[in-house]
């Protein structure tokens, strides 16, 4: 058991966390005459380390996930979901959301296609909630920062929110709140050609390049904000606003994430810096969920597909779920970190 723990710690710290890279960057910066213990030096080290680490992990993750995703084009996904009914359909939709695109804006077109194809509204919403909130990439990246316990719980609770949210929307019978052009739409099933390994790898690599181009600006912004928080924002201020002293920290963090647009890759460095400064775990995870699930640009896109009442129900369910998850993590933080 001790050997297994040693192997796992090495994998988490040196492979996923790339601690060796942090040490290498520190040595190089010191060799160049930049003191990494200073604010400027520490900010440069944080920026270089997190940017390189996230982009490397991002490339590997997208390659693997896109390869898996090549087996689940929209037509096949629709057929799979169409075979199930009730809560099992919601569970499957939430699970399929974990191998789809990385942000809410890219998930909405799939949601529209599934809804036009006649899938139950609650099932499509379980997919829509799950897709940006939890994915295989978030599991690996969260493990690299917070450890496996936090990562697994984050994904599991995100799936619970997705299943519960979709089930509740189904029970409310809000089908008339979908825009008419989607209700009357038709999706044509095109035969899927047999893809070989080379074809799937080419598709996966194209996804790596395409997604990296889209995500890179948000990663740079997120890492830049994280570097500022890590080295320039007083720890007392973070603790006061987002620590034990503020019982509304989870609510504030969730609301603060709404105006932003990023995926989990851009929010992790901010969350990492906030946690290091004394913010509670539930607060930073609520912030991440708020950004990825309820960002203002994605809500504007979703409004084109659904009417205000359904949009309000969706936002309300997601907000309540995120806040509950945040307070849950706050309550168990000292047992899992």
C-alpha atoms as a PDB file:
ATOM      1  CA  UNK A   1       0.000   0.000   0.000  1.00  0.00           C
ATOM      2  CA  UNK A   2       2.837   2.384   0.818  1.00  0.00           C
ATOM      3  CA  UNK A   3       4.430   1.664  -2.561  1.00  0.00           C
ATOM      4  CA  UNK A   4       1.138   2.368  -4.312  1.00  0.00           C
ATOM      5  CA  UNK A   5       0.791   5.670  -2.462  1.00  0.00           C
ATOM      6  CA  UNK A   6       4.337   6.648  -3.446  1.00  0.00           C
ATOM      7  CA  UNK A   7       3.640   5.877  -7.089  1.00  0.00           C
ATOM      8  CA  UNK A   8       0.388   7.823  -6.996  1.00  0.00           C
ATOM      9  CA  UNK A   9       2.021  10.848  -5.300  1.00  0.00           C
ATOM     10  CA  UNK A  10       4.721  10.855  -7.970  1.00  0.00           C
ATOM     11  CA  UNK A  11       2.096  10.680 -10.729  1.00  0.00           C
ATOM     12  CA  UNK A  12       0.019  13.480  -9.223  1.00  0.00           C
ATOM     13  CA  UNK A  13       2.912  15.785  -8.332  1.00  0.00           C
ATOM     14  CA  UNK A  14       5.448  15.184 -11.089  1.00  0.00           C
ATOM     15  CA  UNK A  15       3.301  14.026 -14.040  1.00  0.00           C
ATOM     16  CA  UNK A  16       0.026  15.885 -13.592  1.00  0.00           C
ATOM     17  CA  UNK A  17       1.306  18.691 -11.391  1.00  0.00           C
ATOM     18  CA  UNK A  18       4.680  19.000 -13.194  1.00  0.00           C
ATOM     19  CA  UNK A  19       6.492  20.121 -10.041  1.00  0.00           C
ATOM     20  CA  UNK A  20       9.763  19.443 -11.852  1.00  0.00           C
ATOM     21  CA  UNK A  21       8.808  22.136 -14.367  1.00  0.00           C
ATOM     22  CA  UNK A  22       8.249  24.666 -11.603  1.00  0.00           C
ATOM     23  CA  UNK A  23      11.699  23.953 -10.188  1.00  0.00           C
ATOM     24  CA  UNK A  24      13.278  24.190 -13.632  1.00  0.00           C
ATOM     25  CA  UNK A  25      11.650  27.561 -14.341  1.00  0.00           C
ATOM     26  CA  UNK A  26      12.705  28.855 -10.929  1.00  0.00           C
ATOM     27  CA  UNK A  27      16.324  27.815 -11.579  1.00  0.00           C
ATOM     28  CA  UNK A  28      16.334  29.422 -15.035  1.00  0.00           C
ATOM     29  CA  UNK A  29      14.865  32.687 -13.777  1.00  0.00           C
ATOM     30  CA  UNK A  30      17.353  32.850 -10.901  1.00  0.00           C
ATOM     31  CA  UNK A  31      20.170  32.141 -13.367  1.00  0.00           C
ATOM     32  CA  UNK A  32      18.950  35.105 -15.421  1.00  0.00           C
ATOM     33  CA  UNK A  33      19.198  37.336 -12.373  1.00  0.00           C
ATOM     34  CA  UNK A  34      15.470  37.477 -11.519  1.00  0.00           C
ATOM     35  CA  UNK A  35      14.710  36.879  -7.845  1.00  0.00           C
ATOM     36  CA  UNK A  36      11.742  34.492  -7.757  1.00  0.00           C
ATOM     37  CA  UNK A  37      11.077  35.350  -4.107  1.00  0.00           C
ATOM     38  CA  UNK A  38      10.181  38.912  -5.110  1.00  0.00           C
ATOM     39  CA  UNK A  39       6.696  39.880  -6.257  1.00  0.00           C
ATOM     40  CA  UNK A  40       7.741  40.416  -9.850  1.00  0.00           C
ATOM     41  CA  UNK A  41       9.886  37.299  -9.985  1.00  0.00           C
ATOM     42  CA  UNK A  42       7.203  35.212  -8.313  1.00  0.00           C
ATOM     43  CA  UNK A  43       4.587  36.499 -10.746  1.00  0.00           C
ATOM     44  CA  UNK A  44       6.770  35.653 -13.748  1.00  0.00           C
ATOM     45  CA  UNK A  45       7.451  32.172 -12.366  1.00  0.00           C
ATOM     46  CA  UNK A  46       3.738  31.551 -11.682  1.00  0.00           C
ATOM     47  CA  UNK A  47       2.782  32.797 -15.160  1.00  0.00           C
ATOM     48  CA  UNK A  48       5.334  30.704 -17.050  1.00  0.00           C
ATOM     49  CA  UNK A  49       4.784  27.555 -14.994  1.00  0.00           C
ATOM     50  CA  UNK A  50       0.982  27.565 -15.094  1.00  0.00           C
ATOM     51  CA  UNK A  51       0.782  28.563 -18.752  1.00  0.00           C
ATOM     52  CA  UNK A  52       3.124  25.808 -19.920  1.00  0.00           C
ATOM     53  CA  UNK A  53       1.593  23.202 -17.591  1.00  0.00           C
ATOM     54  CA  UNK A  54      -1.990  23.944 -18.591  1.00  0.00           C
ATOM     55  CA  UNK A  55      -1.272  24.106 -22.324  1.00  0.00           C
ATOM     56  CA  UNK A  56       0.668  20.818 -22.268  1.00  0.00           C
ATOM     57  CA  UNK A  57      -2.057  19.052 -20.282  1.00  0.00           C
ATOM     58  CA  UNK A  58      -4.654  20.695 -22.496  1.00  0.00           C
ATOM     59  CA  UNK A  59      -3.052  19.324 -25.652  1.00  0.00           C
ATOM     60  CA  UNK A  60      -2.800  15.785 -24.315  1.00  0.00           C
ATOM     61  CA  UNK A  61      -6.323  15.827 -22.877  1.00  0.00           C
ATOM     62  CA  UNK A  62      -7.962  17.184 -26.013  1.00  0.00           C
ATOM     63  CA  UNK A  63      -6.142  14.607 -28.132  1.00  0.00           C
ATOM     64  CA  UNK A  64      -7.428  11.751 -25.963  1.00  0.00           C
ATOM     65  CA  UNK A  65     -10.934  13.152 -25.433  1.00  0.00           C
ATOM     66  CA  UNK A  66     -11.388  14.088 -29.090  1.00  0.00           C
ATOM     67  CA  UNK A  67     -10.370  10.578 -30.109  1.00  0.00           C
ATOM     68  CA  UNK A  68     -13.074   9.213 -27.790  1.00  0.00           C
ATOM     69  CA  UNK A  69     -15.508  11.847 -29.054  1.00  0.00           C
ATOM     70  CA  UNK A  70     -14.979  10.668 -32.643  1.00  0.00           C
ATOM     71  CA  UNK A  71     -17.054   7.615 -31.698  1.00  0.00           C
ATOM     72  CA  UNK A  72     -19.971   9.851 -30.597  1.00  0.00           C
ATOM     73  CA  UNK A  73     -21.024  12.182 -33.450  1.00  0.00           C
ATOM     74  CA  UNK A  74     -24.344  13.991 -32.853  1.00  0.00           C
ATOM     75  CA  UNK A  75     -26.316  11.443 -34.888  1.00  0.00           C
ATOM     76  CA  UNK A  76     -25.005   8.479 -32.913  1.00  0.00           C
ATOM     77  CA  UNK A  77     -25.419  10.317 -29.607  1.00  0.00           C
ATOM     78  CA  UNK A  78     -29.022  11.101 -30.479  1.00  0.00           C
ATOM     79  CA  UNK A  79     -29.725   7.460 -31.289  1.00  0.00           C
ATOM     80  CA  UNK A  80     -28.140   6.264 -28.056  1.00  0.00           C
ATOM     81  CA  UNK A  81     -30.098   8.732 -25.938  1.00  0.00           C
ATOM     82  CA  UNK A  82     -33.318   7.883 -27.789  1.00  0.00           C
ATOM     83  CA  UNK A  83     -33.201   4.296 -26.509  1.00  0.00           C
ATOM     84  CA  UNK A  84     -33.530   5.297 -22.857  1.00  0.00           C
ATOM     85  CA  UNK A  85     -36.371   6.802 -20.857  1.00  0.00           C
ATOM     86  CA  UNK A  86     -36.744   8.469 -17.483  1.00  0.00           C
ATOM     87  CA  UNK A  87     -33.869   9.203 -15.170  1.00  0.00           C
ATOM     88  CA  UNK A  88     -31.617   6.713 -16.969  1.00  0.00           C
ATOM     89  CA  UNK A  89     -31.801   8.907 -20.061  1.00  0.00           C
ATOM     90  CA  UNK A  90     -30.804  11.924 -17.944  1.00  0.00           C
ATOM     91  CA  UNK A  91     -27.887  10.017 -16.428  1.00  0.00           C
ATOM     92  CA  UNK A  92     -26.661   8.884 -19.834  1.00  0.00           C
ATOM     93  CA  UNK A  93     -27.010  12.405 -21.267  1.00  0.00           C
ATOM     94  CA  UNK A  94     -24.984  13.825 -18.381  1.00  0.00           C
ATOM     95  CA  UNK A  95     -22.289  11.182 -18.874  1.00  0.00           C
ATOM     96  CA  UNK A  96     -22.139  11.833 -22.618  1.00  0.00           C
ATOM     97  CA  UNK A  97     -21.697  15.512 -21.803  1.00  0.00           C
ATOM     98  CA  UNK A  98     -18.330  14.651 -20.280  1.00  0.00           C
ATOM     99  CA  UNK A  99     -16.872  13.715 -23.695  1.00  0.00           C
ATOM    100  CA  UNK A 100     -18.153  16.728 -25.609  1.00  0.00           C
ATOM    101  CA  UNK A 101     -16.740  20.252 -26.228  1.00  0.00           C
ATOM    102  CA  UNK A 102     -15.144  22.166 -23.415  1.00  0.00           C
ATOM    103  CA  UNK A 103     -17.302  25.278 -23.060  1.00  0.00           C
ATOM    104  CA  UNK A 104     -21.000  26.083 -22.865  1.00  0.00           C
ATOM    105  CA  UNK A 105     -21.097  28.059 -26.130  1.00  0.00           C
ATOM    106  CA  UNK A 106     -19.899  25.066 -28.130  1.00  0.00           C
ATOM    107  CA  UNK A 107     -22.379  22.775 -26.347  1.00  0.00           C
ATOM    108  CA  UNK A 108     -25.439  24.856 -27.179  1.00  0.00           C
ATOM    109  CA  UNK A 109     -25.503  23.954 -30.915  1.00  0.00           C
ATOM    110  CA  UNK A 110     -25.519  20.266 -29.935  1.00  0.00           C
ATOM    111  CA  UNK A 111     -28.312  20.976 -27.460  1.00  0.00           C
ATOM    112  CA  UNK A 112     -30.326  22.638 -30.242  1.00  0.00           C
ATOM    113  CA  UNK A 113     -29.733  19.675 -32.551  1.00  0.00           C
ATOM    114  CA  UNK A 114     -30.820  17.151 -29.922  1.00  0.00           C
ATOM    115  CA  UNK A 115     -33.946  19.184 -29.110  1.00  0.00           C
ATOM    116  CA  UNK A 116     -34.850  19.541 -32.801  1.00  0.00           C
ATOM    117  CA  UNK A 117     -34.445  15.786 -33.176  1.00  0.00           C
ATOM    118  CA  UNK A 118     -37.244  15.247 -30.659  1.00  0.00           C
ATOM    119  CA  UNK A 119     -35.287  14.121 -27.586  1.00  0.00           C
ATOM    120  CA  UNK A 120     -37.029  14.886 -24.262  1.00  0.00           C
ATOM    121  CA  UNK A 121     -36.309  18.420 -23.059  1.00  0.00           C
ATOM    122  CA  UNK A 122     -35.054  17.282 -19.647  1.00  0.00           C
ATOM    123  CA  UNK A 123     -32.567  14.900 -21.261  1.00  0.00           C
ATOM    124  CA  UNK A 124     -31.127  17.624 -23.492  1.00  0.00           C
ATOM    125  CA  UNK A 125     -30.780  19.948 -20.491  1.00  0.00           C
ATOM    126  CA  UNK A 126     -28.930  17.284 -18.505  1.00  0.00           C
ATOM    127  CA  UNK A 127     -26.496  17.200 -21.408  1.00  0.00           C
ATOM    128  CA  UNK A 128     -26.298  21.011 -21.581  1.00  0.00           C
ATOM    129  CA  UNK A 129     -25.519  21.347 -17.866  1.00  0.00           C
ATOM    130  CA  UNK A 130     -22.980  18.536 -17.787  1.00  0.00           C
ATOM    131  CA  UNK A 131     -21.042  19.368 -20.940  1.00  0.00           C
ATOM    132  CA  UNK A 132     -19.343  22.586 -19.779  1.00  0.00           C
ATOM    133  CA  UNK A 133     -19.440  21.912 -16.032  1.00  0.00           C
ATOM    134  CA  UNK A 134     -17.738  18.507 -15.924  1.00  0.00           C
ATOM    135  CA  UNK A 135     -15.616  16.660 -18.446  1.00  0.00           C
ATOM    136  CA  UNK A 136     -12.670  14.297 -18.513  1.00  0.00           C
ATOM    137  CA  UNK A 137     -10.362  17.280 -18.865  1.00  0.00           C
ATOM    138  CA  UNK A 138     -11.656  18.872 -15.667  1.00  0.00           C
ATOM    139  CA  UNK A 139     -11.105  15.600 -13.805  1.00  0.00           C
ATOM    140  CA  UNK A 140      -7.428  15.422 -14.778  1.00  0.00           C
ATOM    141  CA  UNK A 141      -6.702  19.129 -14.312  1.00  0.00           C
ATOM    142  CA  UNK A 142      -8.407  19.239 -10.924  1.00  0.00           C
ATOM    143  CA  UNK A 143      -6.382  16.214  -9.859  1.00  0.00           C
ATOM    144  CA  UNK A 144      -3.195  18.089 -10.781  1.00  0.00           C
ATOM    145  CA  UNK A 145      -4.138  20.999  -8.500  1.00  0.00           C
ATOM    146  CA  UNK A 146      -6.450  19.782  -5.739  1.00  0.00           C
ATOM    147  CA  UNK A 147      -5.858  16.020  -5.603  1.00  0.00           C
ATOM    148  CA  UNK A 148      -7.983  13.060  -6.641  1.00  0.00           C
ATOM    149  CA  UNK A 149     -10.566  13.317  -3.843  1.00  0.00           C
ATOM    150  CA  UNK A 150     -11.594  16.860  -4.779  1.00  0.00           C
ATOM    151  CA  UNK A 151     -11.506  16.060  -8.511  1.00  0.00           C
ATOM    152  CA  UNK A 152     -13.715  12.975  -8.246  1.00  0.00           C
ATOM    153  CA  UNK A 153     -16.192  14.714  -5.924  1.00  0.00           C
ATOM    154  CA  UNK A 154     -16.342  17.763  -8.203  1.00  0.00           C
ATOM    155  CA  UNK A 155     -17.200  15.645 -11.237  1.00  0.00           C
ATOM    156  CA  UNK A 156     -19.644  13.438  -9.308  1.00  0.00           C
ATOM    157  CA  UNK A 157     -21.532  16.393  -7.828  1.00  0.00           C
ATOM    158  CA  UNK A 158     -21.540  18.154 -11.191  1.00  0.00           C
ATOM    159  CA  UNK A 159     -23.206  15.092 -12.692  1.00  0.00           C
ATOM    160  CA  UNK A 160     -25.746  15.082  -9.851  1.00  0.00           C
ATOM    161  CA  UNK A 161     -26.607  18.728 -10.611  1.00  0.00           C
ATOM    162  CA  UNK A 162     -26.957  17.890 -14.319  1.00  0.00           C
ATOM    163  CA  UNK A 163     -29.214  14.872 -13.725  1.00  0.00           C
ATOM    164  CA  UNK A 164     -31.324  16.617 -11.069  1.00  0.00           C
ATOM    165  CA  UNK A 165     -31.644  19.772 -13.166  1.00  0.00           C
ATOM    166  CA  UNK A 166     -32.695  17.920 -16.298  1.00  0.00           C
ATOM    167  CA  UNK A 167     -35.163  15.772 -14.344  1.00  0.00           C
ATOM    168  CA  UNK A 168     -36.747  18.836 -12.725  1.00  0.00           C
ATOM    169  CA  UNK A 169     -37.094  20.628 -16.073  1.00  0.00           C
ATOM    170  CA  UNK A 170     -38.736  17.500 -17.486  1.00  0.00           C
ATOM    171  CA  UNK A 171     -41.256  17.437 -14.598  1.00  0.00           C
ATOM    172  CA  UNK A 172     -42.154  21.106 -15.169  1.00  0.00           C
ATOM    173  CA  UNK A 173     -43.296  20.359 -18.763  1.00  0.00           C
ATOM    174  CA  UNK A 174     -41.762  23.452 -20.337  1.00  0.00           C
ATOM    175  CA  UNK A 175     -41.663  22.156 -23.901  1.00  0.00           C
ATOM    176  CA  UNK A 176     -43.707  25.167 -25.039  1.00  0.00           C
ATOM    177  CA  UNK A 177     -40.863  27.392 -23.848  1.00  0.00           C
ATOM    178  CA  UNK A 178     -38.593  26.249 -26.671  1.00  0.00           C
ATOM    179  CA  UNK A 179     -38.489  28.586 -29.670  1.00  0.00           C
ATOM    180  CA  UNK A 180     -40.780  27.419 -32.496  1.00  0.00           C
ATOM    181  CA  UNK A 181     -38.049  27.203 -35.128  1.00  0.00           C
ATOM    182  CA  UNK A 182     -36.328  24.532 -33.015  1.00  0.00           C
ATOM    183  CA  UNK A 183     -39.533  22.646 -32.250  1.00  0.00           C
ATOM    184  CA  UNK A 184     -40.334  22.499 -35.958  1.00  0.00           C
ATOM    185  CA  UNK A 185     -36.780  21.707 -36.981  1.00  0.00           C
ATOM    186  CA  UNK A 186     -35.714  18.459 -38.515  1.00  0.00           C
ATOM    187  CA  UNK A 187     -32.393  16.709 -38.159  1.00  0.00           C
ATOM    188  CA  UNK A 188     -31.320  14.542 -41.064  1.00  0.00           C
ATOM    189  CA  UNK A 189     -29.443  11.397 -40.121  1.00  0.00           C
ATOM    190  CA  UNK A 190     -26.417  11.026 -42.328  1.00  0.00           C
ATOM    191  CA  UNK A 191     -24.681   7.654 -42.550  1.00  0.00           C
ATOM    192  CA  UNK A 192     -21.432   7.659 -40.632  1.00  0.00           C
ATOM    193  CA  UNK A 193     -18.516   6.373 -42.635  1.00  0.00           C
ATOM    194  CA  UNK A 194     -16.251   3.856 -40.999  1.00  0.00           C
ATOM    195  CA  UNK A 195     -13.347   5.761 -39.535  1.00  0.00           C
ATOM    196  CA  UNK A 196      -9.957   4.152 -39.116  1.00  0.00           C
ATOM    197  CA  UNK A 197      -7.381   4.872 -36.440  1.00  0.00           C
ATOM    198  CA  UNK A 198      -5.532   7.326 -38.701  1.00  0.00           C
ATOM    199  CA  UNK A 199      -8.761   9.218 -39.453  1.00  0.00           C
ATOM    200  CA  UNK A 200      -9.657   9.478 -35.799  1.00  0.00           C
ATOM    201  CA  UNK A 201      -6.155  10.666 -34.862  1.00  0.00           C
ATOM    202  CA  UNK A 202      -6.294  13.289 -37.609  1.00  0.00           C
ATOM    203  CA  UNK A 203      -9.662  14.475 -36.281  1.00  0.00           C
ATOM    204  CA  UNK A 204      -8.296  14.523 -32.720  1.00  0.00           C
ATOM    205  CA  UNK A 205      -5.221  16.540 -33.772  1.00  0.00           C
ATOM    206  CA  UNK A 206      -7.396  19.045 -35.636  1.00  0.00           C
ATOM    207  CA  UNK A 207      -9.417  19.433 -32.451  1.00  0.00           C
ATOM    208  CA  UNK A 208      -6.221  20.026 -30.462  1.00  0.00           C
ATOM    209  CA  UNK A 209      -5.113  22.829 -32.786  1.00  0.00           C
ATOM    210  CA  UNK A 210      -8.575  24.372 -33.060  1.00  0.00           C
ATOM    211  CA  UNK A 211      -9.341  24.252 -29.338  1.00  0.00           C
ATOM    212  CA  UNK A 212      -5.868  25.446 -28.336  1.00  0.00           C
ATOM    213  CA  UNK A 213      -6.296  28.530 -30.536  1.00  0.00           C
ATOM    214  CA  UNK A 214      -9.659  29.299 -28.947  1.00  0.00           C
ATOM    215  CA  UNK A 215      -8.612  28.564 -25.389  1.00  0.00           C
ATOM    216  CA  UNK A 216      -5.108  30.077 -25.343  1.00  0.00           C
ATOM    217  CA  UNK A 217      -6.254  33.714 -24.825  1.00  0.00           C
ATOM    218  CA  UNK A 218      -8.432  32.720 -21.881  1.00  0.00           C
ATOM    219  CA  UNK A 219      -5.656  30.616 -20.371  1.00  0.00           C
ATOM    220  CA  UNK A 220      -3.240  33.550 -20.634  1.00  0.00           C
ATOM    221  CA  UNK A 221      -5.786  35.909 -19.072  1.00  0.00           C
ATOM    222  CA  UNK A 222      -6.633  33.420 -16.343  1.00  0.00           C
ATOM    223  CA  UNK A 223      -2.988  32.722 -15.521  1.00  0.00           C
ATOM    224  CA  UNK A 224      -2.273  36.462 -15.531  1.00  0.00           C
ATOM    225  CA  UNK A 225      -5.082  37.079 -13.047  1.00  0.00           C
ATOM    226  CA  UNK A 226      -3.866  34.135 -10.978  1.00  0.00           C
ATOM    227  CA  UNK A 227      -0.326  35.529 -10.923  1.00  0.00           C
ATOM    228  CA  UNK A 228      -1.618  38.892  -9.694  1.00  0.00           C
ATOM    229  CA  UNK A 229      -3.733  37.264  -6.987  1.00  0.00           C
ATOM    230  CA  UNK A 230      -0.888  34.938  -5.980  1.00  0.00           C
ATOM    231  CA  UNK A 231       1.742  37.642  -5.572  1.00  0.00           C
ATOM    232  CA  UNK A 232       0.056  41.032  -5.262  1.00  0.00           C
ATOM    233  CA  UNK A 233      -3.318  40.649  -3.509  1.00  0.00           C
ATOM    234  CA  UNK A 234      -2.967  40.671   0.299  1.00  0.00           C
ATOM    235  CA  UNK A 235      -3.825  37.353   1.858  1.00  0.00           C
ATOM    236  CA  UNK A 236      -5.913  39.045   4.561  1.00  0.00           C
ATOM    237  CA  UNK A 237      -8.187  40.569   1.922  1.00  0.00           C
ATOM    238  CA  UNK A 238      -8.853  37.235   0.210  1.00  0.00           C
ATOM    239  CA  UNK A 239      -9.521  35.509   3.538  1.00  0.00           C
ATOM    240  CA  UNK A 240     -11.874  38.321   4.592  1.00  0.00           C
ATOM    241  CA  UNK A 241     -13.942  38.210   1.401  1.00  0.00           C
ATOM    242  CA  UNK A 242     -13.777  34.522   0.460  1.00  0.00           C
ATOM    243  CA  UNK A 243     -12.732  32.789   3.692  1.00  0.00           C
ATOM    244  CA  UNK A 244     -14.467  31.536   6.828  1.00  0.00           C
ATOM    245  CA  UNK A 245     -15.344  35.063   7.915  1.00  0.00           C
ATOM    246  CA  UNK A 246     -17.795  35.542   5.028  1.00  0.00           C
ATOM    247  CA  UNK A 247     -20.704  33.056   5.009  1.00  0.00           C
ATOM    248  CA  UNK A 248     -21.816  34.434   1.632  1.00  0.00           C
ATOM    249  CA  UNK A 249     -18.502  33.748  -0.128  1.00  0.00           C
ATOM    250  CA  UNK A 250     -19.986  30.909  -2.203  1.00  0.00           C
ATOM    251  CA  UNK A 251     -22.846  33.102  -3.410  1.00  0.00           C
ATOM    252  CA  UNK A 252     -20.493  35.973  -4.286  1.00  0.00           C
ATOM    253  CA  UNK A 253     -18.125  33.646  -6.149  1.00  0.00           C
ATOM    254  CA  UNK A 254     -20.971  32.104  -8.167  1.00  0.00           C
ATOM    255  CA  UNK A 255     -22.333  35.522  -9.155  1.00  0.00           C
ATOM    256  CA  UNK A 256     -18.832  36.833  -9.929  1.00  0.00           C
ATOM    257  CA  UNK A 257     -18.339  34.048 -12.470  1.00  0.00           C
ATOM    258  CA  UNK A 258     -21.414  34.938 -14.549  1.00  0.00           C
ATOM    259  CA  UNK A 259     -20.032  37.958 -16.501  1.00  0.00           C
ATOM    260  CA  UNK A 260     -16.897  36.043 -17.451  1.00  0.00           C
ATOM    261  CA  UNK A 261     -16.460  33.744 -20.411  1.00  0.00           C
ATOM    262  CA  UNK A 262     -13.893  30.995 -20.128  1.00  0.00           C
ATOM    263  CA  UNK A 263     -13.668  27.257 -19.776  1.00  0.00           C
ATOM    264  CA  UNK A 264     -12.213  25.281 -16.934  1.00  0.00           C
ATOM    265  CA  UNK A 265      -8.682  25.663 -18.311  1.00  0.00           C
ATOM    266  CA  UNK A 266      -8.838  29.425 -17.855  1.00  0.00           C
ATOM    267  CA  UNK A 267     -10.439  29.330 -14.420  1.00  0.00           C
ATOM    268  CA  UNK A 268      -8.138  26.793 -12.746  1.00  0.00           C
ATOM    269  CA  UNK A 269      -5.139  29.146 -12.302  1.00  0.00           C
ATOM    270  CA  UNK A 270      -7.434  31.733 -10.704  1.00  0.00           C
ATOM    271  CA  UNK A 271      -8.908  29.094  -8.402  1.00  0.00           C
ATOM    272  CA  UNK A 272      -5.432  27.800  -7.561  1.00  0.00           C
ATOM    273  CA  UNK A 273      -4.235  31.288  -6.576  1.00  0.00           C
ATOM    274  CA  UNK A 274      -7.368  32.042  -4.534  1.00  0.00           C
ATOM    275  CA  UNK A 275      -7.059  28.759  -2.635  1.00  0.00           C
ATOM    276  CA  UNK A 276      -3.386  29.438  -1.889  1.00  0.00           C
ATOM    277  CA  UNK A 277      -4.378  32.830  -0.466  1.00  0.00           C
ATOM    278  CA  UNK A 278      -6.893  31.334   1.954  1.00  0.00           C
ATOM    279  CA  UNK A 279     -10.171  31.200   0.025  1.00  0.00           C
ATOM    280  CA  UNK A 280     -12.356  28.263   0.944  1.00  0.00           C
ATOM    281  CA  UNK A 281     -12.429  25.288  -1.413  1.00  0.00           C
ATOM    282  CA  UNK A 282     -16.173  25.508  -2.005  1.00  0.00           C
ATOM    283  CA  UNK A 283     -15.829  29.174  -2.922  1.00  0.00           C
ATOM    284  CA  UNK A 284     -13.239  28.608  -5.645  1.00  0.00           C
ATOM    285  CA  UNK A 285     -15.074  25.589  -7.064  1.00  0.00           C
ATOM    286  CA  UNK A 286     -18.344  27.549  -7.148  1.00  0.00           C
ATOM    287  CA  UNK A 287     -16.535  30.293  -9.041  1.00  0.00           C
ATOM    288  CA  UNK A 288     -15.268  27.735 -11.567  1.00  0.00           C
ATOM    289  CA  UNK A 289     -18.739  26.229 -12.015  1.00  0.00           C
ATOM    290  CA  UNK A 290     -20.321  29.675 -12.366  1.00  0.00           C
ATOM    291  CA  UNK A 291     -17.896  30.708 -15.107  1.00  0.00           C
ATOM    292  CA  UNK A 292     -18.147  27.499 -17.108  1.00  0.00           C
ATOM    293  CA  UNK A 293     -21.916  26.973 -16.803  1.00  0.00           C
ATOM    294  CA  UNK A 294     -23.551  30.403 -16.483  1.00  0.00           C
ATOM    295  CA  UNK A 295     -21.305  32.737 -18.475  1.00  0.00           C
ATOM    296  CA  UNK A 296     -23.181  35.692 -19.963  1.00  0.00           C
ATOM    297  CA  UNK A 297     -22.213  34.978 -23.615  1.00  0.00           C
ATOM    298  CA  UNK A 298     -23.535  31.412 -23.415  1.00  0.00           C
ATOM    299  CA  UNK A 299     -26.779  32.627 -21.800  1.00  0.00           C
ATOM    300  CA  UNK A 300     -27.246  35.064 -24.693  1.00  0.00           C
ATOM    301  CA  UNK A 301     -26.777  32.189 -27.145  1.00  0.00           C
ATOM    302  CA  UNK A 302     -29.189  29.970 -25.210  1.00  0.00           C
ATOM    303  CA  UNK A 303     -31.824  32.727 -25.194  1.00  0.00           C
ATOM    304  CA  UNK A 304     -32.011  32.393 -28.986  1.00  0.00           C
ATOM    305  CA  UNK A 305     -33.109  28.785 -28.514  1.00  0.00           C
ATOM    306  CA  UNK A 306     -35.438  29.007 -25.503  1.00  0.00           C
ATOM    307  CA  UNK A 307     -37.914  31.526 -24.140  1.00  0.00           C
ATOM    308  CA  UNK A 308     -37.224  33.695 -21.057  1.00  0.00           C
ATOM    309  CA  UNK A 309     -39.188  31.484 -18.653  1.00  0.00           C
ATOM    310  CA  UNK A 310     -37.199  28.346 -19.509  1.00  0.00           C
ATOM    311  CA  UNK A 311     -33.945  30.299 -19.506  1.00  0.00           C
ATOM    312  CA  UNK A 312     -34.782  31.621 -16.033  1.00  0.00           C
ATOM    313  CA  UNK A 313     -35.571  28.108 -14.771  1.00  0.00           C
ATOM    314  CA  UNK A 314     -32.279  26.825 -16.198  1.00  0.00           C
ATOM    315  CA  UNK A 315     -30.262  29.638 -14.580  1.00  0.00           C
ATOM    316  CA  UNK A 316     -32.079  29.208 -11.281  1.00  0.00           C
ATOM    317  CA  UNK A 317     -31.518  25.445 -11.141  1.00  0.00           C
ATOM    318  CA  UNK A 318     -27.843  25.732 -12.061  1.00  0.00           C
ATOM    319  CA  UNK A 319     -27.248  28.584  -9.605  1.00  0.00           C
ATOM    320  CA  UNK A 320     -28.920  26.723  -6.747  1.00  0.00           C
ATOM    321  CA  UNK A 321     -27.012  23.537  -7.570  1.00  0.00           C
ATOM    322  CA  UNK A 322     -23.662  25.337  -7.737  1.00  0.00           C
ATOM    323  CA  UNK A 323     -24.264  27.101  -4.417  1.00  0.00           C
ATOM    324  CA  UNK A 324     -25.239  23.830  -2.703  1.00  0.00           C
ATOM    325  CA  UNK A 325     -22.105  22.145  -4.083  1.00  0.00           C
ATOM    326  CA  UNK A 326     -19.985  25.071  -2.888  1.00  0.00           C
ATOM    327  CA  UNK A 327     -21.258  24.949   0.682  1.00  0.00           C
ATOM    328  CA  UNK A 328     -20.875  21.166   0.684  1.00  0.00           C
ATOM    329  CA  UNK A 329     -17.199  21.484  -0.244  1.00  0.00           C
ATOM    330  CA  UNK A 330     -16.721  24.176   2.404  1.00  0.00           C
ATOM    331  CA  UNK A 331     -18.149  21.817   5.019  1.00  0.00           C
ATOM    332  CA  UNK A 332     -15.856  18.903   4.133  1.00  0.00           C
ATOM    333  CA  UNK A 333     -12.763  20.858   3.030  1.00  0.00           C
ATOM    334  CA  UNK A 334     -10.601  19.902   5.979  1.00  0.00           C
ATOM    335  CA  UNK A 335     -11.418  16.216   5.567  1.00  0.00           C
ATOM    336  CA  UNK A 336     -10.444  15.903   1.902  1.00  0.00           C
ATOM    337  CA  UNK A 337      -7.616  18.395   1.359  1.00  0.00           C
END
